[in-house]
Amino acid sequence: LWEDERLLPQVLAENGYTNGLFGKWHLGDNYPFRPEDRGFHEV
């Protein structure tokens, strides 16, 4: 997924949510495309 896209977990984090992902991501396995780079606090 393009680095310059705004993602749902980023929007939620900016609005006070703590975000966790458990299981499959499938949108990039390297920096800066991993879920922990894109708004998830626990992965």
PDB file of all heavy atoms in Angstrom:
ATOM      1  N   LEU A   1       0.835  -1.206   0.000  1.00  0.00           N
ATOM      2  CA  LEU A   1       0.000   0.000   0.000  1.00  0.00           C
ATOM      3  C   LEU A   1       0.871   1.258   0.000  1.00  0.00           C
ATOM      4  O   LEU A   1       1.784   1.400   0.806  1.00  0.00           O
ATOM      5  CB  LEU A   1      -0.880  -0.034   1.246  1.00  0.00           C
ATOM      6  CG  LEU A   1      -2.017   0.952   1.383  1.00  0.00           C
ATOM      7  CD1 LEU A   1      -3.005   0.831   0.241  1.00  0.00           C
ATOM      8  CD2 LEU A   1      -2.724   0.710   2.714  1.00  0.00           C
ATOM      9  N   TRP A   2       0.562   2.178  -0.930  1.00  0.00           N
ATOM     10  CA  TRP A   2       1.349   3.416  -1.027  1.00  0.00           C
ATOM     11  C   TRP A   2       1.610   4.037   0.352  1.00  0.00           C
ATOM     12  O   TRP A   2       0.710   4.103   1.198  1.00  0.00           O
ATOM     13  CB  TRP A   2       0.638   4.463  -1.861  1.00  0.00           C
ATOM     14  CG  TRP A   2       0.399   4.212  -3.306  1.00  0.00           C
ATOM     15  CD1 TRP A   2      -0.748   4.461  -3.986  1.00  0.00           C
ATOM     16  CD2 TRP A   2       1.323   3.710  -4.294  1.00  0.00           C
ATOM     17  NE1 TRP A   2      -0.613   4.144  -5.311  1.00  0.00           N
ATOM     18  CE2 TRP A   2       0.654   3.680  -5.533  1.00  0.00           C
ATOM     19  CE3 TRP A   2       2.651   3.272  -4.235  1.00  0.00           C
ATOM     20  CZ2 TRP A   2       1.259   3.240  -6.709  1.00  0.00           C
ATOM     21  CZ3 TRP A   2       3.250   2.825  -5.409  1.00  0.00           C
ATOM     22  CH2 TRP A   2       2.566   2.822  -6.609  1.00  0.00           C
ATOM     23  N   GLU A   3       2.799   4.541   0.535  1.00  0.00           N
ATOM     24  CA  GLU A   3       3.187   5.145   1.807  1.00  0.00           C
ATOM     25  C   GLU A   3       2.387   6.406   2.111  1.00  0.00           C
ATOM     26  O   GLU A   3       2.149   6.739   3.277  1.00  0.00           O
ATOM     27  CB  GLU A   3       4.678   5.474   1.758  1.00  0.00           C
ATOM     28  CG  GLU A   3       5.235   6.075   3.032  1.00  0.00           C
ATOM     29  CD  GLU A   3       6.689   6.472   2.889  1.00  0.00           C
ATOM     30  OE1 GLU A   3       7.269   6.307   1.795  1.00  0.00           O
ATOM     31  OE2 GLU A   3       7.256   6.968   3.889  1.00  0.00           O
ATOM     32  N   ASP A   4       1.931   7.118   1.087  1.00  0.00           N
ATOM     33  CA  ASP A   4       1.271   8.407   1.318  1.00  0.00           C
ATOM     34  C   ASP A   4      -0.249   8.297   1.443  1.00  0.00           C
ATOM     35  O   ASP A   4      -0.950   9.317   1.451  1.00  0.00           O
ATOM     36  CB  ASP A   4       1.632   9.399   0.212  1.00  0.00           C
ATOM     37  CG  ASP A   4       1.219   8.942  -1.188  1.00  0.00           C
ATOM     38  OD1 ASP A   4       0.703   7.811  -1.317  1.00  0.00           O
ATOM     39  OD2 ASP A   4       1.418   9.712  -2.148  1.00  0.00           O
ATOM     40  N   GLU A   5      -0.776   7.082   1.579  1.00  0.00           N
ATOM     41  CA  GLU A   5      -2.204   6.932   1.851  1.00  0.00           C
ATOM     42  C   GLU A   5      -2.474   7.123   3.345  1.00  0.00           C
ATOM     43  O   GLU A   5      -1.659   6.749   4.194  1.00  0.00           O
ATOM     44  CB  GLU A   5      -2.686   5.543   1.422  1.00  0.00           C
ATOM     45  CG  GLU A   5      -2.550   5.256  -0.073  1.00  0.00           C
ATOM     46  CD  GLU A   5      -3.487   6.079  -0.925  1.00  0.00           C
ATOM     47  OE1 GLU A   5      -4.563   6.489  -0.427  1.00  0.00           O
ATOM     48  OE2 GLU A   5      -3.157   6.310  -2.115  1.00  0.00           O
ATOM     49  N   ARG A   6      -3.633   7.698   3.660  1.00  0.00           N
ATOM     50  CA  ARG A   6      -4.083   7.813   5.055  1.00  0.00           C
ATOM     51  C   ARG A   6      -4.959   6.611   5.367  1.00  0.00           C
ATOM     52  O   ARG A   6      -5.924   6.328   4.669  1.00  0.00           O
ATOM     53  CB  ARG A   6      -4.897   9.095   5.262  1.00  0.00           C
ATOM     54  CG  ARG A   6      -4.108  10.381   5.179  1.00  0.00           C
ATOM     55  CD  ARG A   6      -3.267  10.673   6.406  1.00  0.00           C
ATOM     56  NE  ARG A   6      -4.045  10.689   7.634  1.00  0.00           N
ATOM     57  CZ  ARG A   6      -4.861  11.683   8.007  1.00  0.00           C
ATOM     58  NH1 ARG A   6      -5.057  12.720   7.224  1.00  0.00           N
ATOM     59  NH2 ARG A   6      -5.490  11.612   9.151  1.00  0.00           N
ATOM     60  N   LEU A   7      -4.655   5.936   6.472  1.00  0.00           N
ATOM     61  CA  LEU A   7      -5.323   4.685   6.794  1.00  0.00           C
ATOM     62  C   LEU A   7      -6.256   4.832   7.983  1.00  0.00           C
ATOM     63  O   LEU A   7      -6.050   5.691   8.855  1.00  0.00           O
ATOM     64  CB  LEU A   7      -4.291   3.596   7.097  1.00  0.00           C
ATOM     65  CG  LEU A   7      -3.740   2.812   5.895  1.00  0.00           C
ATOM     66  CD1 LEU A   7      -3.108   3.713   4.857  1.00  0.00           C
ATOM     67  CD2 LEU A   7      -2.746   1.768   6.381  1.00  0.00           C
ATOM     68  N   LEU A   8      -7.254   3.954   8.042  1.00  0.00           N
ATOM     69  CA  LEU A   8      -8.221   3.943   9.132  1.00  0.00           C
ATOM     70  C   LEU A   8      -7.558   3.931  10.507  1.00  0.00           C
ATOM     71  O   LEU A   8      -7.947   4.725  11.376  1.00  0.00           O
ATOM     72  CB  LEU A   8      -9.160   2.747   8.966  1.00  0.00           C
ATOM     73  CG  LEU A   8     -10.155   2.493  10.100  1.00  0.00           C
ATOM     74  CD1 LEU A   8     -11.110   3.676  10.263  1.00  0.00           C
ATOM     75  CD2 LEU A   8     -10.933   1.210   9.840  1.00  0.00           C
ATOM     76  N   PRO A   9      -6.576   3.065  10.796  1.00  0.00           N
ATOM     77  CA  PRO A   9      -5.976   3.091  12.142  1.00  0.00           C
ATOM     78  C   PRO A   9      -5.269   4.408  12.458  1.00  0.00           C
ATOM     79  O   PRO A   9      -5.245   4.830  13.622  1.00  0.00           O
ATOM     80  CB  PRO A   9      -4.991   1.915  12.121  1.00  0.00           C
ATOM     81  CG  PRO A   9      -4.765   1.613  10.688  1.00  0.00           C
ATOM     82  CD  PRO A   9      -6.032   1.964   9.987  1.00  0.00           C
ATOM     83  N   GLN A  10      -4.723   5.072  11.446  1.00  0.00           N
ATOM     84  CA  GLN A  10      -4.105   6.375  11.690  1.00  0.00           C
ATOM     85  C   GLN A  10      -5.160   7.409  12.080  1.00  0.00           C
ATOM     86  O   GLN A  10      -4.952   8.214  13.003  1.00  0.00           O
ATOM     87  CB  GLN A  10      -3.342   6.826  10.440  1.00  0.00           C
ATOM     88  CG  GLN A  10      -2.140   5.949  10.131  1.00  0.00           C
ATOM     89  CD  GLN A  10      -1.527   6.236   8.770  1.00  0.00           C
ATOM     90  OE1 GLN A  10      -2.253   6.476   7.786  1.00  0.00           O
ATOM     91  NE2 GLN A  10      -0.207   6.203   8.674  1.00  0.00           N
ATOM     92  N   VAL A  11      -6.284   7.366  11.386  1.00  0.00           N
ATOM     93  CA  VAL A  11      -7.377   8.293  11.708  1.00  0.00           C
ATOM     94  C   VAL A  11      -7.893   8.027  13.126  1.00  0.00           C
ATOM     95  O   VAL A  11      -8.109   8.959  13.912  1.00  0.00           O
ATOM     96  CB  VAL A  11      -8.509   8.168  10.683  1.00  0.00           C
ATOM     97  CG1 VAL A  11      -9.699   9.036  11.070  1.00  0.00           C
ATOM     98  CG2 VAL A  11      -8.009   8.534   9.284  1.00  0.00           C
ATOM     99  N   LEU A  12      -8.072   6.764  13.456  1.00  0.00           N
ATOM    100  CA  LEU A  12      -8.556   6.423  14.793  1.00  0.00           C
ATOM    101  C   LEU A  12      -7.547   6.820  15.864  1.00  0.00           C
ATOM    102  O   LEU A  12      -7.924   7.334  16.927  1.00  0.00           O
ATOM    103  CB  LEU A  12      -8.851   4.924  14.870  1.00  0.00           C
ATOM    104  CG  LEU A  12     -10.088   4.451  14.090  1.00  0.00           C
ATOM    105  CD1 LEU A  12     -10.128   2.932  14.017  1.00  0.00           C
ATOM    106  CD2 LEU A  12     -11.373   4.978  14.728  1.00  0.00           C
ATOM    107  N   ALA A  13      -6.262   6.591  15.605  1.00  0.00           N
ATOM    108  CA  ALA A  13      -5.235   6.970  16.582  1.00  0.00           C
ATOM    109  C   ALA A  13      -5.252   8.473  16.830  1.00  0.00           C
ATOM    110  O   ALA A  13      -5.100   8.929  17.981  1.00  0.00           O
ATOM    111  CB  ALA A  13      -3.859   6.518  16.097  1.00  0.00           C
ATOM    112  N   GLU A  14      -5.438   9.241  15.774  1.00  0.00           N
ATOM    113  CA  GLU A  14      -5.497  10.702  15.917  1.00  0.00           C
ATOM    114  C   GLU A  14      -6.724  11.147  16.697  1.00  0.00           C
ATOM    115  O   GLU A  14      -6.777  12.292  17.174  1.00  0.00           O
ATOM    116  CB  GLU A  14      -5.499  11.345  14.528  1.00  0.00           C
ATOM    117  CG  GLU A  14      -4.176  11.180  13.789  1.00  0.00           C
ATOM    118  CD  GLU A  14      -4.292  11.468  12.291  1.00  0.00           C
ATOM    119  OE1 GLU A  14      -5.415  11.818  11.851  1.00  0.00           O
ATOM    120  OE2 GLU A  14      -3.284  11.327  11.584  1.00  0.00           O
ATOM    121  N   ASN A  15      -7.703  10.251  16.844  1.00  0.00           N
ATOM    122  CA  ASN A  15      -8.928  10.574  17.574  1.00  0.00           C
ATOM    123  C   ASN A  15      -9.017   9.826  18.901  1.00  0.00           C
ATOM    124  O   ASN A  15     -10.112   9.640  19.445  1.00  0.00           O
ATOM    125  CB  ASN A  15     -10.138  10.263  16.704  1.00  0.00           C
ATOM    126  CG  ASN A  15     -10.365  11.312  15.628  1.00  0.00           C
ATOM    127  OD1 ASN A  15     -11.092  12.277  15.823  1.00  0.00           O
ATOM    128  ND2 ASN A  15      -9.733  11.121  14.467  1.00  0.00           N
ATOM    129  N   GLY A  16      -7.874   9.394  19.423  1.00  0.00           N
ATOM    130  CA  GLY A  16      -7.829   8.867  20.783  1.00  0.00           C
ATOM    131  C   GLY A  16      -7.971   7.371  20.923  1.00  0.00           C
ATOM    132  O   GLY A  16      -8.091   6.870  22.056  1.00  0.00           O
ATOM    133  N   TYR A  17      -7.935   6.616  19.829  1.00  0.00           N
ATOM    134  CA  TYR A  17      -8.066   5.166  19.907  1.00  0.00           C
ATOM    135  C   TYR A  17      -6.698   4.487  20.003  1.00  0.00           C
ATOM    136  O   TYR A  17      -5.720   4.944  19.407  1.00  0.00           O
ATOM    137  CB  TYR A  17      -8.803   4.624  18.673  1.00  0.00           C
ATOM    138  CG  TYR A  17     -10.309   4.744  18.765  1.00  0.00           C
ATOM    139  CD1 TYR A  17     -10.944   5.961  18.520  1.00  0.00           C
ATOM    140  CD2 TYR A  17     -11.087   3.649  19.116  1.00  0.00           C
ATOM    141  CE1 TYR A  17     -12.323   6.083  18.605  1.00  0.00           C
ATOM    142  CE2 TYR A  17     -12.478   3.761  19.208  1.00  0.00           C
ATOM    143  CZ  TYR A  17     -13.082   4.982  18.957  1.00  0.00           C
ATOM    144  OH  TYR A  17     -14.455   5.097  19.048  1.00  0.00           O
ATOM    145  N   THR A  18      -6.663   3.383  20.749  1.00  0.00           N
ATOM    146  CA  THR A  18      -5.512   2.487  20.744  1.00  0.00           C
ATOM    147  C   THR A  18      -5.863   1.308  19.841  1.00  0.00           C
ATOM    148  O   THR A  18      -6.930   0.708  19.992  1.00  0.00           O
ATOM    149  CB  THR A  18      -5.190   1.997  22.162  1.00  0.00           C
ATOM    150  OG1 THR A  18      -4.916   3.135  22.987  1.00  0.00           O
ATOM    151  CG2 THR A  18      -3.980   1.068  22.160  1.00  0.00           C
ATOM    152  N   ASN A  19      -4.953   0.982  18.920  1.00  0.00           N
ATOM    153  CA  ASN A  19      -5.274   0.050  17.851  1.00  0.00           C
ATOM    154  C   ASN A  19      -4.406  -1.203  17.905  1.00  0.00           C
ATOM    155  O   ASN A  19      -3.197  -1.119  18.110  1.00  0.00           O
ATOM    156  CB  ASN A  19      -5.066   0.727  16.490  1.00  0.00           C
ATOM    157  CG  ASN A  19      -5.814   2.041  16.366  1.00  0.00           C
ATOM    158  OD1 ASN A  19      -6.968   2.134  16.792  1.00  0.00           O
ATOM    159  ND2 ASN A  19      -5.172   3.051  15.805  1.00  0.00           N
ATOM    160  N   GLY A  20      -5.046  -2.351  17.709  1.00  0.00           N
ATOM    161  CA  GLY A  20      -4.316  -3.609  17.663  1.00  0.00           C
ATOM    162  C   GLY A  20      -4.694  -4.416  16.440  1.00  0.00           C
ATOM    163  O   GLY A  20      -5.867  -4.459  16.045  1.00  0.00           O
ATOM    164  N   LEU A  21      -3.699  -5.056  15.835  1.00  0.00           N
ATOM    165  CA  LEU A  21      -3.925  -5.948  14.701  1.00  0.00           C
ATOM    166  C   LEU A  21      -3.441  -7.334  15.064  1.00  0.00           C
ATOM    167  O   LEU A  21      -2.315  -7.501  15.559  1.00  0.00           O
ATOM    168  CB  LEU A  21      -3.191  -5.457  13.452  1.00  0.00           C
ATOM    169  CG  LEU A  21      -3.289  -6.370  12.214  1.00  0.00           C
ATOM    170  CD1 LEU A  21      -3.362  -5.552  10.932  1.00  0.00           C
ATOM    171  CD2 LEU A  21      -2.116  -7.355  12.120  1.00  0.00           C
ATOM    172  N   PHE A  22      -4.264  -8.335  14.763  1.00  0.00           N
ATOM    173  CA  PHE A  22      -3.960  -9.705  15.145  1.00  0.00           C
ATOM    174  C   PHE A  22      -4.268 -10.626  13.973  1.00  0.00           C
ATOM    175  O   PHE A  22      -5.431 -10.847  13.634  1.00  0.00           O
ATOM    176  CB  PHE A  22      -4.769 -10.085  16.395  1.00  0.00           C
ATOM    177  CG  PHE A  22      -4.604  -9.069  17.482  1.00  0.00           C
ATOM    178  CD1 PHE A  22      -5.538  -8.051  17.639  1.00  0.00           C
ATOM    179  CD2 PHE A  22      -3.488  -9.083  18.301  1.00  0.00           C
ATOM    180  CE1 PHE A  22      -5.372  -7.074  18.605  1.00  0.00           C
ATOM    181  CE2 PHE A  22      -3.304  -8.107  19.276  1.00  0.00           C
ATOM    182  CZ  PHE A  22      -4.245  -7.101  19.436  1.00  0.00           C
ATOM    183  N   GLY A  23      -3.216 -11.126  13.318  1.00  0.00           N
ATOM    184  CA  GLY A  23      -3.401 -12.039  12.206  1.00  0.00           C
ATOM    185  C   GLY A  23      -2.776 -11.540  10.929  1.00  0.00           C
ATOM    186  O   GLY A  23      -1.573 -11.345  10.830  1.00  0.00           O
ATOM    187  N   LYS A  24      -3.619 -11.306   9.941  1.00  0.00           N
ATOM    188  CA  LYS A  24      -3.158 -11.012   8.582  1.00  0.00           C
ATOM    189  C   LYS A  24      -3.184  -9.513   8.283  1.00  0.00           C
ATOM    190  O   LYS A  24      -4.164  -8.830   8.587  1.00  0.00           O
ATOM    191  CB  LYS A  24      -4.034 -11.764   7.578  1.00  0.00           C
ATOM    192  CG  LYS A  24      -3.692 -11.512   6.117  1.00  0.00           C
ATOM    193  CD  LYS A  24      -4.421 -12.485   5.225  1.00  0.00           C
ATOM    194  CE  LYS A  24      -4.197 -12.196   3.753  1.00  0.00           C
ATOM    195  NZ  LYS A  24      -4.756 -13.248   2.880  1.00  0.00           N
ATOM    196  N   TRP A  25      -2.138  -9.023   7.654  1.00  0.00           N
ATOM    197  CA  TRP A  25      -2.032  -7.634   7.214  1.00  0.00           C
ATOM    198  C   TRP A  25      -2.049  -7.582   5.681  1.00  0.00           C
ATOM    199  O   TRP A  25      -2.942  -7.055   5.080  1.00  0.00           O
ATOM    200  CB  TRP A  25      -0.760  -7.007   7.775  1.00  0.00           C
ATOM    201  CG  TRP A  25      -0.417  -5.644   7.279  1.00  0.00           C
ATOM    202  CD1 TRP A  25       0.722  -5.272   6.619  1.00  0.00           C
ATOM    203  CD2 TRP A  25      -1.174  -4.433   7.423  1.00  0.00           C
ATOM    204  NE1 TRP A  25       0.722  -3.924   6.337  1.00  0.00           N
ATOM    205  CE2 TRP A  25      -0.429  -3.382   6.828  1.00  0.00           C
ATOM    206  CE3 TRP A  25      -2.417  -4.138   7.996  1.00  0.00           C
ATOM    207  CZ2 TRP A  25      -0.897  -2.072   6.785  1.00  0.00           C
ATOM    208  CZ3 TRP A  25      -2.868  -2.817   7.954  1.00  0.00           C
ATOM    209  CH2 TRP A  25      -2.118  -1.807   7.365  1.00  0.00           C
ATOM    210  N   HIS A  26      -1.010  -8.113   5.041  1.00  0.00           N
ATOM    211  CA  HIS A  26      -0.937  -8.314   3.598  1.00  0.00           C
ATOM    212  C   HIS A  26      -0.921  -7.009   2.810  1.00  0.00           C
ATOM    213  O   HIS A  26      -1.414  -6.947   1.675  1.00  0.00           O
ATOM    214  CB  HIS A  26      -2.081  -9.217   3.121  1.00  0.00           C
ATOM    215  CG  HIS A  26      -1.800  -9.857   1.789  1.00  0.00           C
ATOM    216  ND1 HIS A  26      -2.745 -10.587   1.087  1.00  0.00           N
ATOM    217  CD2 HIS A  26      -0.681  -9.893   1.007  1.00  0.00           C
ATOM    218  CE1 HIS A  26      -2.232 -11.029  -0.028  1.00  0.00           C
ATOM    219  NE2 HIS A  26      -0.967 -10.615  -0.111  1.00  0.00           N
ATOM    220  N   LEU A  27      -0.328  -5.971   3.390  1.00  0.00           N
ATOM    221  CA  LEU A  27      -0.201  -4.701   2.683  1.00  0.00           C
ATOM    222  C   LEU A  27       1.226  -4.178   2.755  1.00  0.00           C
ATOM    223  O   LEU A  27       1.462  -2.984   2.598  1.00  0.00           O
ATOM    224  CB  LEU A  27      -1.199  -3.670   3.240  1.00  0.00           C
ATOM    225  CG  LEU A  27      -2.672  -4.030   3.052  1.00  0.00           C
ATOM    226  CD1 LEU A  27      -3.571  -3.068   3.809  1.00  0.00           C
ATOM    227  CD2 LEU A  27      -3.055  -4.078   1.573  1.00  0.00           C
ATOM    228  N   GLY A  28       2.167  -5.087   3.007  1.00  0.00           N
ATOM    229  CA  GLY A  28       3.582  -4.728   3.068  1.00  0.00           C
ATOM    230  C   GLY A  28       4.230  -5.263   4.324  1.00  0.00           C
ATOM    231  O   GLY A  28       3.729  -5.045   5.432  1.00  0.00           O
ATOM    232  N   ASP A  29       5.361  -5.963   4.167  1.00  0.00           N
ATOM    233  CA  ASP A  29       6.052  -6.593   5.291  1.00  0.00           C
ATOM    234  C   ASP A  29       7.326  -5.868   5.707  1.00  0.00           C
ATOM    235  O   ASP A  29       8.007  -6.298   6.638  1.00  0.00           O
ATOM    236  CB  ASP A  29       6.404  -8.049   4.941  1.00  0.00           C
ATOM    237  CG  ASP A  29       5.174  -8.920   4.821  1.00  0.00           C
ATOM    238  OD1 ASP A  29       4.334  -8.871   5.732  1.00  0.00           O
ATOM    239  OD2 ASP A  29       5.033  -9.628   3.803  1.00  0.00           O
ATOM    240  N   ASN A  30       7.659  -4.795   5.006  1.00  0.00           N
ATOM    241  CA  ASN A  30       8.877  -4.043   5.320  1.00  0.00           C
ATOM    242  C   ASN A  30       8.536  -2.595   5.632  1.00  0.00           C
ATOM    243  O   ASN A  30       7.494  -2.080   5.230  1.00  0.00           O
ATOM    244  CB  ASN A  30       9.861  -4.095   4.141  1.00  0.00           C
ATOM    245  CG  ASN A  30      10.411  -5.485   3.901  1.00  0.00           C
ATOM    246  OD1 ASN A  30       9.971  -6.188   3.001  1.00  0.00           O
ATOM    247  ND2 ASN A  30      11.360  -5.903   4.712  1.00  0.00           N
ATOM    248  N   TYR A  31       9.446  -1.932   6.346  1.00  0.00           N
ATOM    249  CA  TYR A  31       9.307  -0.509   6.611  1.00  0.00           C
ATOM    250  C   TYR A  31       9.275   0.244   5.282  1.00  0.00           C
ATOM    251  O   TYR A  31      10.034  -0.062   4.377  1.00  0.00           O
ATOM    252  CB  TYR A  31      10.494  -0.035   7.462  1.00  0.00           C
ATOM    253  CG  TYR A  31      10.503   1.445   7.710  1.00  0.00           C
ATOM    254  CD1 TYR A  31       9.675   2.000   8.684  1.00  0.00           C
ATOM    255  CD2 TYR A  31      11.330   2.288   6.970  1.00  0.00           C
ATOM    256  CE1 TYR A  31       9.678   3.368   8.903  1.00  0.00           C
ATOM    257  CE2 TYR A  31      11.337   3.651   7.188  1.00  0.00           C
ATOM    258  CZ  TYR A  31      10.505   4.184   8.141  1.00  0.00           C
ATOM    259  OH  TYR A  31      10.495   5.541   8.362  1.00  0.00           O
ATOM    260  N   PRO A  32       8.393   1.217   5.123  1.00  0.00           N
ATOM    261  CA  PRO A  32       7.449   1.797   6.080  1.00  0.00           C
ATOM    262  C   PRO A  32       6.012   1.332   5.858  1.00  0.00           C
ATOM    263  O   PRO A  32       5.061   2.111   6.078  1.00  0.00           O
ATOM    264  CB  PRO A  32       7.562   3.286   5.774  1.00  0.00           C
ATOM    265  CG  PRO A  32       7.729   3.305   4.262  1.00  0.00           C
ATOM    266  CD  PRO A  32       8.511   2.065   3.908  1.00  0.00           C
ATOM    267  N   PHE A  33       5.843   0.092   5.458  1.00  0.00           N
ATOM    268  CA  PHE A  33       4.527  -0.399   5.041  1.00  0.00           C
ATOM    269  C   PHE A  33       3.888  -1.354   6.037  1.00  0.00           C
ATOM    270  O   PHE A  33       2.777  -1.825   5.812  1.00  0.00           O
ATOM    271  CB  PHE A  33       4.660  -1.090   3.680  1.00  0.00           C
ATOM    272  CG  PHE A  33       5.319  -0.236   2.631  1.00  0.00           C
ATOM    273  CD1 PHE A  33       6.625  -0.482   2.220  1.00  0.00           C
ATOM    274  CD2 PHE A  33       4.653   0.843   2.079  1.00  0.00           C
ATOM    275  CE1 PHE A  33       7.237   0.305   1.269  1.00  0.00           C
ATOM    276  CE2 PHE A  33       5.264   1.654   1.122  1.00  0.00           C
ATOM    277  CZ  PHE A  33       6.567   1.381   0.717  1.00  0.00           C
ATOM    278  N   ARG A  34       4.589  -1.659   7.130  1.00  0.00           N
ATOM    279  CA  ARG A  34       4.073  -2.612   8.106  1.00  0.00           C
ATOM    280  C   ARG A  34       2.949  -1.973   8.937  1.00  0.00           C
ATOM    281  O   ARG A  34       2.860  -0.744   9.040  1.00  0.00           O
ATOM    282  CB  ARG A  34       5.203  -3.052   9.035  1.00  0.00           C
ATOM    283  CG  ARG A  34       6.424  -3.614   8.310  1.00  0.00           C
ATOM    284  CD  ARG A  34       7.628  -3.701   9.226  1.00  0.00           C
ATOM    285  NE  ARG A  34       7.988  -2.407   9.756  1.00  0.00           N
ATOM    286  CZ  ARG A  34       8.929  -2.191  10.675  1.00  0.00           C
ATOM    287  NH1 ARG A  34       9.612  -3.210  11.157  1.00  0.00           N
ATOM    288  NH2 ARG A  34       9.185  -0.969  11.103  1.00  0.00           N
ATOM    289  N   PRO A  35       2.106  -2.773   9.554  1.00  0.00           N
ATOM    290  CA  PRO A  35       1.010  -2.180  10.337  1.00  0.00           C
ATOM    291  C   PRO A  35       1.494  -1.309  11.481  1.00  0.00           C
ATOM    292  O   PRO A  35       0.851  -0.300  11.802  1.00  0.00           O
ATOM    293  CB  PRO A  35       0.229  -3.400  10.838  1.00  0.00           C
ATOM    294  CG  PRO A  35       1.149  -4.563  10.680  1.00  0.00           C
ATOM    295  CD  PRO A  35       2.024  -4.245   9.515  1.00  0.00           C
ATOM    296  N   GLU A  36       2.625  -1.671  12.097  1.00  0.00           N
ATOM    297  CA  GLU A  36       3.139  -0.847  13.198  1.00  0.00           C
ATOM    298  C   GLU A  36       3.665   0.499  12.706  1.00  0.00           C
ATOM    299  O   GLU A  36       3.865   1.422  13.506  1.00  0.00           O
ATOM    300  CB  GLU A  36       4.233  -1.586  13.972  1.00  0.00           C
ATOM    301  CG  GLU A  36       5.429  -2.032  13.159  1.00  0.00           C
ATOM    302  CD  GLU A  36       5.305  -3.454  12.663  1.00  0.00           C
ATOM    303  OE1 GLU A  36       4.184  -3.889  12.318  1.00  0.00           O
ATOM    304  OE2 GLU A  36       6.352  -4.142  12.617  1.00  0.00           O
ATOM    305  N   ASP A  37       3.882   0.637  11.394  1.00  0.00           N
ATOM    306  CA  ASP A  37       4.275   1.919  10.810  1.00  0.00           C
ATOM    307  C   ASP A  37       3.064   2.752  10.418  1.00  0.00           C
ATOM    308  O   ASP A  37       3.229   3.907  10.029  1.00  0.00           O
ATOM    309  CB  ASP A  37       5.120   1.691   9.541  1.00  0.00           C
ATOM    310  CG  ASP A  37       6.335   0.819   9.765  1.00  0.00           C
ATOM    311  OD1 ASP A  37       6.987   0.978  10.805  1.00  0.00           O
ATOM    312  OD2 ASP A  37       6.628  -0.038   8.896  1.00  0.00           O
ATOM    313  N   ARG A  38       1.853   2.166  10.541  1.00  0.00           N
ATOM    314  CA  ARG A  38       0.691   2.792   9.918  1.00  0.00           C
ATOM    315  C   ARG A  38      -0.508   2.910  10.859  1.00  0.00           C
ATOM    316  O   ARG A  38      -1.652   2.807  10.440  1.00  0.00           O
ATOM    317  CB  ARG A  38       0.310   2.021   8.653  1.00  0.00           C
ATOM    318  CG  ARG A  38       1.527   1.694   7.797  1.00  0.00           C
ATOM    319  CD  ARG A  38       1.240   1.532   6.360  1.00  0.00           C
ATOM    320  NE  ARG A  38       0.904   2.790   5.713  1.00  0.00           N
ATOM    321  CZ  ARG A  38       0.853   2.968   4.393  1.00  0.00           C
ATOM    322  NH1 ARG A  38       1.136   1.954   3.590  1.00  0.00           N
ATOM    323  NH2 ARG A  38       0.512   4.109   3.876  1.00  0.00           N
ATOM    324  N   GLY A  39      -0.220   3.127  12.136  1.00  0.00           N
ATOM    325  CA  GLY A  39      -1.293   3.461  13.061  1.00  0.00           C
ATOM    326  C   GLY A  39      -1.660   2.400  14.064  1.00  0.00           C
ATOM    327  O   GLY A  39      -2.467   2.660  14.968  1.00  0.00           O
ATOM    328  N   PHE A  40      -1.092   1.198  13.948  1.00  0.00           N
ATOM    329  CA  PHE A  40      -1.383   0.149  14.926  1.00  0.00           C
ATOM    330  C   PHE A  40      -0.336   0.187  16.042  1.00  0.00           C
ATOM    331  O   PHE A  40       0.864   0.241  15.782  1.00  0.00           O
ATOM    332  CB  PHE A  40      -1.408  -1.231  14.271  1.00  0.00           C
ATOM    333  CG  PHE A  40      -2.656  -1.499  13.488  1.00  0.00           C
ATOM    334  CD1 PHE A  40      -2.660  -1.401  12.102  1.00  0.00           C
ATOM    335  CD2 PHE A  40      -3.841  -1.833  14.143  1.00  0.00           C
ATOM    336  CE1 PHE A  40      -3.818  -1.644  11.375  1.00  0.00           C
ATOM    337  CE2 PHE A  40      -5.003  -2.076  13.422  1.00  0.00           C
ATOM    338  CZ  PHE A  40      -4.999  -1.981  12.034  1.00  0.00           C
ATOM    339  N   HIS A  41      -0.822   0.135  17.278  1.00  0.00           N
ATOM    340  CA  HIS A  41       0.055   0.202  18.447  1.00  0.00           C
ATOM    341  C   HIS A  41       0.497  -1.171  18.925  1.00  0.00           C
ATOM    342  O   HIS A  41       1.568  -1.297  19.528  1.00  0.00           O
ATOM    343  CB  HIS A  41      -0.671   0.922  19.592  1.00  0.00           C
ATOM    344  CG  HIS A  41      -1.181   2.273  19.229  1.00  0.00           C
ATOM    345  ND1 HIS A  41      -2.481   2.485  18.803  1.00  0.00           N
ATOM    346  CD2 HIS A  41      -0.573   3.483  19.197  1.00  0.00           C
ATOM    347  CE1 HIS A  41      -2.656   3.771  18.545  1.00  0.00           C
ATOM    348  NE2 HIS A  41      -1.519   4.398  18.770  1.00  0.00           N
ATOM    349  N   GLU A  42      -0.313  -2.179  18.711  1.00  0.00           N
ATOM    350  CA  GLU A  42       0.002  -3.553  19.110  1.00  0.00           C
ATOM    351  C   GLU A  42      -0.259  -4.450  17.904  1.00  0.00           C
ATOM    352  O   GLU A  42      -1.345  -4.422  17.321  1.00  0.00           O
ATOM    353  CB  GLU A  42      -0.861  -3.994  20.289  1.00  0.00           C
ATOM    354  CG  GLU A  42      -0.679  -5.426  20.735  1.00  0.00           C
ATOM    355  CD  GLU A  42       0.631  -5.692  21.456  1.00  0.00           C
ATOM    356  OE1 GLU A  42       1.387  -4.725  21.709  1.00  0.00           O
ATOM    357  OE2 GLU A  42       0.902  -6.866  21.781  1.00  0.00           O
ATOM    358  N   VAL A  43       0.750  -5.229  17.517  1.00  0.00           N
ATOM    359  CA  VAL A  43       0.657  -6.048  16.310  1.00  0.00           C
ATOM    360  C   VAL A  43       1.201  -7.439  16.584  1.00  0.00           C
ATOM    361  O   VAL A  43       2.321  -7.591  17.091  1.00  0.00           O
ATOM    362  CB  VAL A  43       1.452  -5.416  15.137  1.00  0.00           C
ATOM    363  CG1 VAL A  43       1.455  -6.347  13.931  1.00  0.00           C
ATOM    364  CG2 VAL A  43       0.890  -4.050  14.765  1.00  0.00           C
TER     365      VAL A  43
END
